């Protein structure tokens, strides 16, 4: 495996009612990958330094706040019911706009709504969760991918599991956070042997092989 990579820091935004697997999956990929390269890091960023209750009462203690301005190579916004509020969070929008141009802006599931509201997806392809939950499967509900089209009329809707548009990378629903984690390793410069070995250790090899090509550039 080639480890001639200068490391990579992933900052994950954590907020009330965030979907657990959306942020835990990419965090888990980085956690296992650190066994091979300790220069990798993943951490949580929140509006304030206090415990944050994600969905189902799962509580997360952030590592940094917006004011700390931690250095990172990528910033990830997960999805969850809380994104219905976060799309209106001006402090979050200001923070995203303040990030250096070389910081990747990424999302899982309905996290892409935030970038859509900010106008960052106009003219780009993006994805979101495609399967409705019990509320969204009946009127007046709407599948998150279709709602993204309403939120950002200028976006090109994609059904790919991961959509890489350069600086902005979006992933579909919930478990696609795994593929986001692997793809960020790829963007960081790690080779296929390294990523495949991480997937093997996670007992995810078959799924990794299945989803590896479900990627739009």
C-alpha atoms as a PDB file:
ATOM      1  CA  UNK A   1       0.000   0.000   0.000  1.00  0.00           C
ATOM      2  CA  UNK A   2       1.199   3.495  -0.832  1.00  0.00           C
ATOM      3  CA  UNK A   3       1.184   5.868   2.126  1.00  0.00           C
ATOM      4  CA  UNK A   4       2.868   8.754   0.356  1.00  0.00           C
ATOM      5  CA  UNK A   5      -0.065  10.997   1.303  1.00  0.00           C
ATOM      6  CA  UNK A   6       0.173  14.081   3.563  1.00  0.00           C
ATOM      7  CA  UNK A   7      -2.776  12.979   5.701  1.00  0.00           C
ATOM      8  CA  UNK A   8      -6.317  14.307   5.577  1.00  0.00           C
ATOM      9  CA  UNK A   9      -8.601  15.988   8.137  1.00  0.00           C
ATOM     10  CA  UNK A  10     -12.370  15.524   7.928  1.00  0.00           C
ATOM     11  CA  UNK A  11     -14.576  17.880   9.918  1.00  0.00           C
ATOM     12  CA  UNK A  12     -18.132  16.606  10.449  1.00  0.00           C
ATOM     13  CA  UNK A  13     -20.887  19.024  11.398  1.00  0.00           C
ATOM     14  CA  UNK A  14     -23.027  17.727  14.243  1.00  0.00           C
ATOM     15  CA  UNK A  15     -26.428  19.203  15.042  1.00  0.00           C
ATOM     16  CA  UNK A  16     -29.692  18.370  16.786  1.00  0.00           C
ATOM     17  CA  UNK A  17     -31.560  15.468  15.140  1.00  0.00           C
ATOM     18  CA  UNK A  18     -28.702  14.545  12.796  1.00  0.00           C
ATOM     19  CA  UNK A  19     -29.011  11.040  11.330  1.00  0.00           C
ATOM     20  CA  UNK A  20     -26.597   8.798  13.243  1.00  0.00           C
ATOM     21  CA  UNK A  21     -25.343   6.598  10.398  1.00  0.00           C
ATOM     22  CA  UNK A  22     -24.891   9.619   8.125  1.00  0.00           C
ATOM     23  CA  UNK A  23     -22.027  10.871  10.267  1.00  0.00           C
ATOM     24  CA  UNK A  24     -20.971   7.623  11.962  1.00  0.00           C
ATOM     25  CA  UNK A  25     -20.289   5.800   8.659  1.00  0.00           C
ATOM     26  CA  UNK A  26     -17.668   8.203   7.250  1.00  0.00           C
ATOM     27  CA  UNK A  27     -16.238   8.676  10.748  1.00  0.00           C
ATOM     28  CA  UNK A  28     -15.945   4.878  11.047  1.00  0.00           C
ATOM     29  CA  UNK A  29     -14.154   4.582   7.707  1.00  0.00           C
ATOM     30  CA  UNK A  30     -11.596   7.145   8.838  1.00  0.00           C
ATOM     31  CA  UNK A  31     -11.276   5.463  12.232  1.00  0.00           C
ATOM     32  CA  UNK A  32     -10.302   2.150  10.644  1.00  0.00           C
ATOM     33  CA  UNK A  33      -8.096   3.831   8.029  1.00  0.00           C
ATOM     34  CA  UNK A  34      -6.136   5.482  10.853  1.00  0.00           C
ATOM     35  CA  UNK A  35      -4.861   2.032  11.806  1.00  0.00           C
ATOM     36  CA  UNK A  36      -2.829   2.172   8.588  1.00  0.00           C
ATOM     37  CA  UNK A  37      -2.087   5.891   8.549  1.00  0.00           C
ATOM     38  CA  UNK A  38      -2.315   7.892  11.796  1.00  0.00           C
ATOM     39  CA  UNK A  39      -2.107  11.111   9.770  1.00  0.00           C
ATOM     40  CA  UNK A  40      -5.813  10.695   8.992  1.00  0.00           C
ATOM     41  CA  UNK A  41      -8.249  12.422  11.317  1.00  0.00           C
ATOM     42  CA  UNK A  42     -12.007  12.909  11.681  1.00  0.00           C
ATOM     43  CA  UNK A  43     -13.667  15.152  14.242  1.00  0.00           C
ATOM     44  CA  UNK A  44     -16.947  16.875  15.073  1.00  0.00           C
ATOM     45  CA  UNK A  45     -17.702  20.574  14.690  1.00  0.00           C
ATOM     46  CA  UNK A  46     -20.785  22.184  16.256  1.00  0.00           C
ATOM     47  CA  UNK A  47     -22.278  25.610  16.769  1.00  0.00           C
ATOM     48  CA  UNK A  48     -21.295  25.548  20.461  1.00  0.00           C
ATOM     49  CA  UNK A  49     -19.162  23.399  22.762  1.00  0.00           C
ATOM     50  CA  UNK A  50     -21.960  21.449  24.420  1.00  0.00           C
ATOM     51  CA  UNK A  51     -23.414  17.937  23.973  1.00  0.00           C
ATOM     52  CA  UNK A  52     -25.515  17.602  20.835  1.00  0.00           C
ATOM     53  CA  UNK A  53     -28.432  15.173  20.733  1.00  0.00           C
ATOM     54  CA  UNK A  54     -28.629  13.484  17.349  1.00  0.00           C
ATOM     55  CA  UNK A  55     -31.570  11.259  16.400  1.00  0.00           C
ATOM     56  CA  UNK A  56     -32.880   8.605  18.783  1.00  0.00           C
ATOM     57  CA  UNK A  57     -31.259  10.336  21.764  1.00  0.00           C
ATOM     58  CA  UNK A  58     -27.704   9.596  20.586  1.00  0.00           C
ATOM     59  CA  UNK A  59     -25.519  12.276  22.182  1.00  0.00           C
ATOM     60  CA  UNK A  60     -22.283  13.570  20.692  1.00  0.00           C
ATOM     61  CA  UNK A  61     -19.677  15.843  22.291  1.00  0.00           C
ATOM     62  CA  UNK A  62     -18.148  18.076  19.600  1.00  0.00           C
ATOM     63  CA  UNK A  63     -14.408  18.571  19.337  1.00  0.00           C
ATOM     64  CA  UNK A  64     -14.589  22.125  17.995  1.00  0.00           C
ATOM     65  CA  UNK A  65     -17.005  25.012  17.492  1.00  0.00           C
ATOM     66  CA  UNK A  66     -17.382  27.337  14.514  1.00  0.00           C
ATOM     67  CA  UNK A  67     -15.347  29.929  16.400  1.00  0.00           C
ATOM     68  CA  UNK A  68     -12.395  27.547  16.750  1.00  0.00           C
ATOM     69  CA  UNK A  69     -11.915  27.437  12.975  1.00  0.00           C
ATOM     70  CA  UNK A  70     -10.144  24.047  12.952  1.00  0.00           C
ATOM     71  CA  UNK A  71      -8.018  23.258   9.919  1.00  0.00           C
ATOM     72  CA  UNK A  72      -9.640  20.641   7.702  1.00  0.00           C
ATOM     73  CA  UNK A  73      -9.435  19.250   4.196  1.00  0.00           C
ATOM     74  CA  UNK A  74     -13.145  18.459   3.953  1.00  0.00           C
ATOM     75  CA  UNK A  75     -16.306  19.563   5.751  1.00  0.00           C
ATOM     76  CA  UNK A  76     -19.247  17.151   5.866  1.00  0.00           C
ATOM     77  CA  UNK A  77     -22.901  17.943   6.606  1.00  0.00           C
ATOM     78  CA  UNK A  78     -24.924  14.805   7.439  1.00  0.00           C
ATOM     79  CA  UNK A  79     -28.662  14.506   6.962  1.00  0.00           C
ATOM     80  CA  UNK A  80     -31.494  13.759   9.350  1.00  0.00           C
ATOM     81  CA  UNK A  81     -34.675  15.451  10.505  1.00  0.00           C
ATOM     82  CA  UNK A  82     -32.553  18.293  11.852  1.00  0.00           C
ATOM     83  CA  UNK A  83     -31.665  19.497   8.363  1.00  0.00           C
ATOM     84  CA  UNK A  84     -35.178  20.987   8.150  1.00  0.00           C
ATOM     85  CA  UNK A  85     -33.846  23.542  10.643  1.00  0.00           C
ATOM     86  CA  UNK A  86     -30.245  23.697   9.429  1.00  0.00           C
ATOM     87  CA  UNK A  87     -31.256  24.927   5.971  1.00  0.00           C
ATOM     88  CA  UNK A  88     -32.214  28.172   7.754  1.00  0.00           C
ATOM     89  CA  UNK A  89     -29.151  28.305  10.035  1.00  0.00           C
ATOM     90  CA  UNK A  90     -27.349  31.463   8.958  1.00  0.00           C
ATOM     91  CA  UNK A  91     -24.423  30.750  11.292  1.00  0.00           C
ATOM     92  CA  UNK A  92     -23.841  27.468   9.475  1.00  0.00           C
ATOM     93  CA  UNK A  93     -24.127  29.167   6.090  1.00  0.00           C
ATOM     94  CA  UNK A  94     -21.626  31.836   7.165  1.00  0.00           C
ATOM     95  CA  UNK A  95     -19.241  29.161   8.415  1.00  0.00           C
ATOM     96  CA  UNK A  96     -19.427  27.228   5.138  1.00  0.00           C
ATOM     97  CA  UNK A  97     -18.764  30.396   3.141  1.00  0.00           C
ATOM     98  CA  UNK A  98     -15.771  31.196   5.353  1.00  0.00           C
ATOM     99  CA  UNK A  99     -13.983  27.917   4.650  1.00  0.00           C
ATOM    100  CA  UNK A 100     -10.906  28.088   2.392  1.00  0.00           C
ATOM    101  CA  UNK A 101     -11.518  27.409  -1.288  1.00  0.00           C
ATOM    102  CA  UNK A 102      -9.445  24.225  -1.116  1.00  0.00           C
ATOM    103  CA  UNK A 103     -11.680  22.731   1.595  1.00  0.00           C
ATOM    104  CA  UNK A 104     -14.022  20.150   0.087  1.00  0.00           C
ATOM    105  CA  UNK A 105     -17.722  20.669   0.856  1.00  0.00           C
ATOM    106  CA  UNK A 106     -19.405  17.303   1.280  1.00  0.00           C
ATOM    107  CA  UNK A 107     -22.722  15.922   2.457  1.00  0.00           C
ATOM    108  CA  UNK A 108     -24.627  12.732   3.121  1.00  0.00           C
ATOM    109  CA  UNK A 109     -28.376  12.399   2.558  1.00  0.00           C
ATOM    110  CA  UNK A 110     -30.378  15.591   3.222  1.00  0.00           C
ATOM    111  CA  UNK A 111     -27.206  17.467   4.129  1.00  0.00           C
ATOM    112  CA  UNK A 112     -27.113  18.516   0.462  1.00  0.00           C
ATOM    113  CA  UNK A 113     -30.249  20.599   1.103  1.00  0.00           C
ATOM    114  CA  UNK A 114     -28.044  23.092   2.964  1.00  0.00           C
ATOM    115  CA  UNK A 115     -25.731  23.565  -0.009  1.00  0.00           C
ATOM    116  CA  UNK A 116     -28.800  23.772  -2.253  1.00  0.00           C
ATOM    117  CA  UNK A 117     -30.393  26.570  -0.217  1.00  0.00           C
ATOM    118  CA  UNK A 118     -27.065  28.417  -0.281  1.00  0.00           C
ATOM    119  CA  UNK A 119     -27.021  28.276  -4.089  1.00  0.00           C
ATOM    120  CA  UNK A 120     -23.820  26.241  -4.143  1.00  0.00           C
ATOM    121  CA  UNK A 121     -25.318  23.433  -6.237  1.00  0.00           C
ATOM    122  CA  UNK A 122     -26.597  25.594  -9.099  1.00  0.00           C
ATOM    123  CA  UNK A 123     -25.432  24.121 -12.395  1.00  0.00           C
ATOM    124  CA  UNK A 124     -23.972  21.053 -10.667  1.00  0.00           C
ATOM    125  CA  UNK A 125     -25.107  17.459 -10.269  1.00  0.00           C
ATOM    126  CA  UNK A 126     -26.027  16.376  -6.742  1.00  0.00           C
ATOM    127  CA  UNK A 127     -27.775  13.535  -4.982  1.00  0.00           C
ATOM    128  CA  UNK A 128     -29.769  12.851  -1.831  1.00  0.00           C
ATOM    129  CA  UNK A 129     -31.725  10.038  -0.206  1.00  0.00           C
ATOM    130  CA  UNK A 130     -33.956   8.262  -2.719  1.00  0.00           C
ATOM    131  CA  UNK A 131     -36.073   6.083  -0.433  1.00  0.00           C
ATOM    132  CA  UNK A 132     -38.937   7.714   1.539  1.00  0.00           C
ATOM    133  CA  UNK A 133     -39.496   7.076   5.222  1.00  0.00           C
ATOM    134  CA  UNK A 134     -42.995   6.501   6.633  1.00  0.00           C
ATOM    135  CA  UNK A 135     -43.769  10.221   6.708  1.00  0.00           C
ATOM    136  CA  UNK A 136     -42.383  10.995   3.264  1.00  0.00           C
ATOM    137  CA  UNK A 137     -44.058   8.039   1.563  1.00  0.00           C
ATOM    138  CA  UNK A 138     -47.532   9.562   1.812  1.00  0.00           C
ATOM    139  CA  UNK A 139     -48.994  13.003   0.968  1.00  0.00           C
ATOM    140  CA  UNK A 140     -47.944  15.705   1.581  1.00  0.00           C
ATOM    141  CA  UNK A 141     -44.550  14.060   1.952  1.00  0.00           C
ATOM    142  CA  UNK A 142     -41.879  14.048  -0.688  1.00  0.00           C
ATOM    143  CA  UNK A 143     -38.774  11.922  -1.219  1.00  0.00           C
ATOM    144  CA  UNK A 144     -35.667  13.954  -0.186  1.00  0.00           C
ATOM    145  CA  UNK A 145     -34.146  13.708  -3.671  1.00  0.00           C
ATOM    146  CA  UNK A 146     -37.265  15.299  -5.169  1.00  0.00           C
ATOM    147  CA  UNK A 147     -37.316  17.943  -2.458  1.00  0.00           C
ATOM    148  CA  UNK A 148     -33.726  18.828  -3.356  1.00  0.00           C
ATOM    149  CA  UNK A 149     -35.002  19.641  -6.851  1.00  0.00           C
ATOM    150  CA  UNK A 150     -37.539  22.025  -5.299  1.00  0.00           C
ATOM    151  CA  UNK A 151     -34.986  23.611  -2.958  1.00  0.00           C
ATOM    152  CA  UNK A 152     -32.383  24.103  -5.701  1.00  0.00           C
ATOM    153  CA  UNK A 153     -34.061  24.359  -9.135  1.00  0.00           C
ATOM    154  CA  UNK A 154     -30.643  24.903 -10.729  1.00  0.00           C
ATOM    155  CA  UNK A 155     -29.303  21.519  -9.616  1.00  0.00           C
ATOM    156  CA  UNK A 156     -28.975  18.503 -11.909  1.00  0.00           C
ATOM    157  CA  UNK A 157     -30.510  15.638  -9.952  1.00  0.00           C
ATOM    158  CA  UNK A 158     -28.451  12.440  -9.907  1.00  0.00           C
ATOM    159  CA  UNK A 159     -29.366   9.014  -8.555  1.00  0.00           C
ATOM    160  CA  UNK A 160     -25.730   7.972  -8.143  1.00  0.00           C
ATOM    161  CA  UNK A 161     -24.572   6.911  -4.700  1.00  0.00           C
ATOM    162  CA  UNK A 162     -21.803   9.521  -4.678  1.00  0.00           C
ATOM    163  CA  UNK A 163     -21.569  12.584  -6.920  1.00  0.00           C
ATOM    164  CA  UNK A 164     -18.203  14.348  -7.157  1.00  0.00           C
ATOM    165  CA  UNK A 165     -18.337  17.806  -8.731  1.00  0.00           C
ATOM    166  CA  UNK A 166     -14.870  18.933  -7.774  1.00  0.00           C
ATOM    167  CA  UNK A 167     -15.104  20.932  -4.592  1.00  0.00           C
ATOM    168  CA  UNK A 168     -18.611  19.724  -3.752  1.00  0.00           C
ATOM    169  CA  UNK A 169     -19.288  16.030  -3.182  1.00  0.00           C
ATOM    170  CA  UNK A 170     -22.730  14.696  -2.239  1.00  0.00           C
ATOM    171  CA  UNK A 171     -23.800  11.194  -1.232  1.00  0.00           C
ATOM    172  CA  UNK A 172     -27.212   9.541  -1.123  1.00  0.00           C
ATOM    173  CA  UNK A 173     -29.126   8.206   1.835  1.00  0.00           C
ATOM    174  CA  UNK A 174     -27.811   7.083   5.181  1.00  0.00           C
ATOM    175  CA  UNK A 175     -25.459   4.121   4.533  1.00  0.00           C
ATOM    176  CA  UNK A 176     -23.925   5.858   1.503  1.00  0.00           C
ATOM    177  CA  UNK A 177     -21.852   7.651   4.130  1.00  0.00           C
ATOM    178  CA  UNK A 178     -19.629   4.574   3.874  1.00  0.00           C
ATOM    179  CA  UNK A 179     -18.974   5.310   0.212  1.00  0.00           C
ATOM    180  CA  UNK A 180     -18.418   8.971   1.048  1.00  0.00           C
ATOM    181  CA  UNK A 181     -15.725   7.924   3.526  1.00  0.00           C
ATOM    182  CA  UNK A 182     -14.011   5.693   0.971  1.00  0.00           C
ATOM    183  CA  UNK A 183     -14.250   8.341  -1.739  1.00  0.00           C
ATOM    184  CA  UNK A 184     -12.699  10.963   0.522  1.00  0.00           C
ATOM    185  CA  UNK A 185      -9.763   8.608   1.035  1.00  0.00           C
ATOM    186  CA  UNK A 186      -9.537   8.442  -2.745  1.00  0.00           C
ATOM    187  CA  UNK A 187      -9.625  12.233  -3.045  1.00  0.00           C
ATOM    188  CA  UNK A 188      -6.963  12.461  -0.353  1.00  0.00           C
ATOM    189  CA  UNK A 189      -4.641  10.469  -2.619  1.00  0.00           C
ATOM    190  CA  UNK A 190      -4.759   6.978  -1.111  1.00  0.00           C
ATOM    191  CA  UNK A 191      -4.531   4.201  -3.681  1.00  0.00           C
ATOM    192  CA  UNK A 192      -7.015   1.444  -4.392  1.00  0.00           C
ATOM    193  CA  UNK A 193      -4.984  -1.134  -2.469  1.00  0.00           C
ATOM    194  CA  UNK A 194      -5.160   1.017   0.667  1.00  0.00           C
ATOM    195  CA  UNK A 195      -8.916   1.661   0.375  1.00  0.00           C
ATOM    196  CA  UNK A 196      -9.720  -1.969  -0.428  1.00  0.00           C
ATOM    197  CA  UNK A 197      -7.757  -3.052   2.632  1.00  0.00           C
ATOM    198  CA  UNK A 198      -9.765  -0.660   4.826  1.00  0.00           C
ATOM    199  CA  UNK A 199     -12.973  -2.119   3.365  1.00  0.00           C
ATOM    200  CA  UNK A 200     -11.723  -5.654   4.024  1.00  0.00           C
ATOM    201  CA  UNK A 201     -10.948  -4.941   7.670  1.00  0.00           C
ATOM    202  CA  UNK A 202     -14.442  -3.479   8.008  1.00  0.00           C
ATOM    203  CA  UNK A 203     -15.865  -6.697   6.459  1.00  0.00           C
ATOM    204  CA  UNK A 204     -17.332  -4.503   3.746  1.00  0.00           C
ATOM    205  CA  UNK A 205     -15.429  -5.799   0.709  1.00  0.00           C
ATOM    206  CA  UNK A 206     -18.428  -7.133  -1.251  1.00  0.00           C
ATOM    207  CA  UNK A 207     -20.447  -3.961  -0.729  1.00  0.00           C
ATOM    208  CA  UNK A 208     -17.415  -1.833  -1.559  1.00  0.00           C
ATOM    209  CA  UNK A 209     -16.931  -3.676  -4.840  1.00  0.00           C
ATOM    210  CA  UNK A 210     -20.647  -3.344  -5.617  1.00  0.00           C
ATOM    211  CA  UNK A 211     -20.832   0.409  -4.977  1.00  0.00           C
ATOM    212  CA  UNK A 212     -17.335   1.474  -6.101  1.00  0.00           C
ATOM    213  CA  UNK A 213     -18.518   2.334  -9.604  1.00  0.00           C
ATOM    214  CA  UNK A 214     -21.782   3.973  -8.470  1.00  0.00           C
ATOM    215  CA  UNK A 215     -20.031   7.316  -8.732  1.00  0.00           C
ATOM    216  CA  UNK A 216     -20.672  10.322 -10.938  1.00  0.00           C
ATOM    217  CA  UNK A 217     -18.012  12.900 -11.780  1.00  0.00           C
END
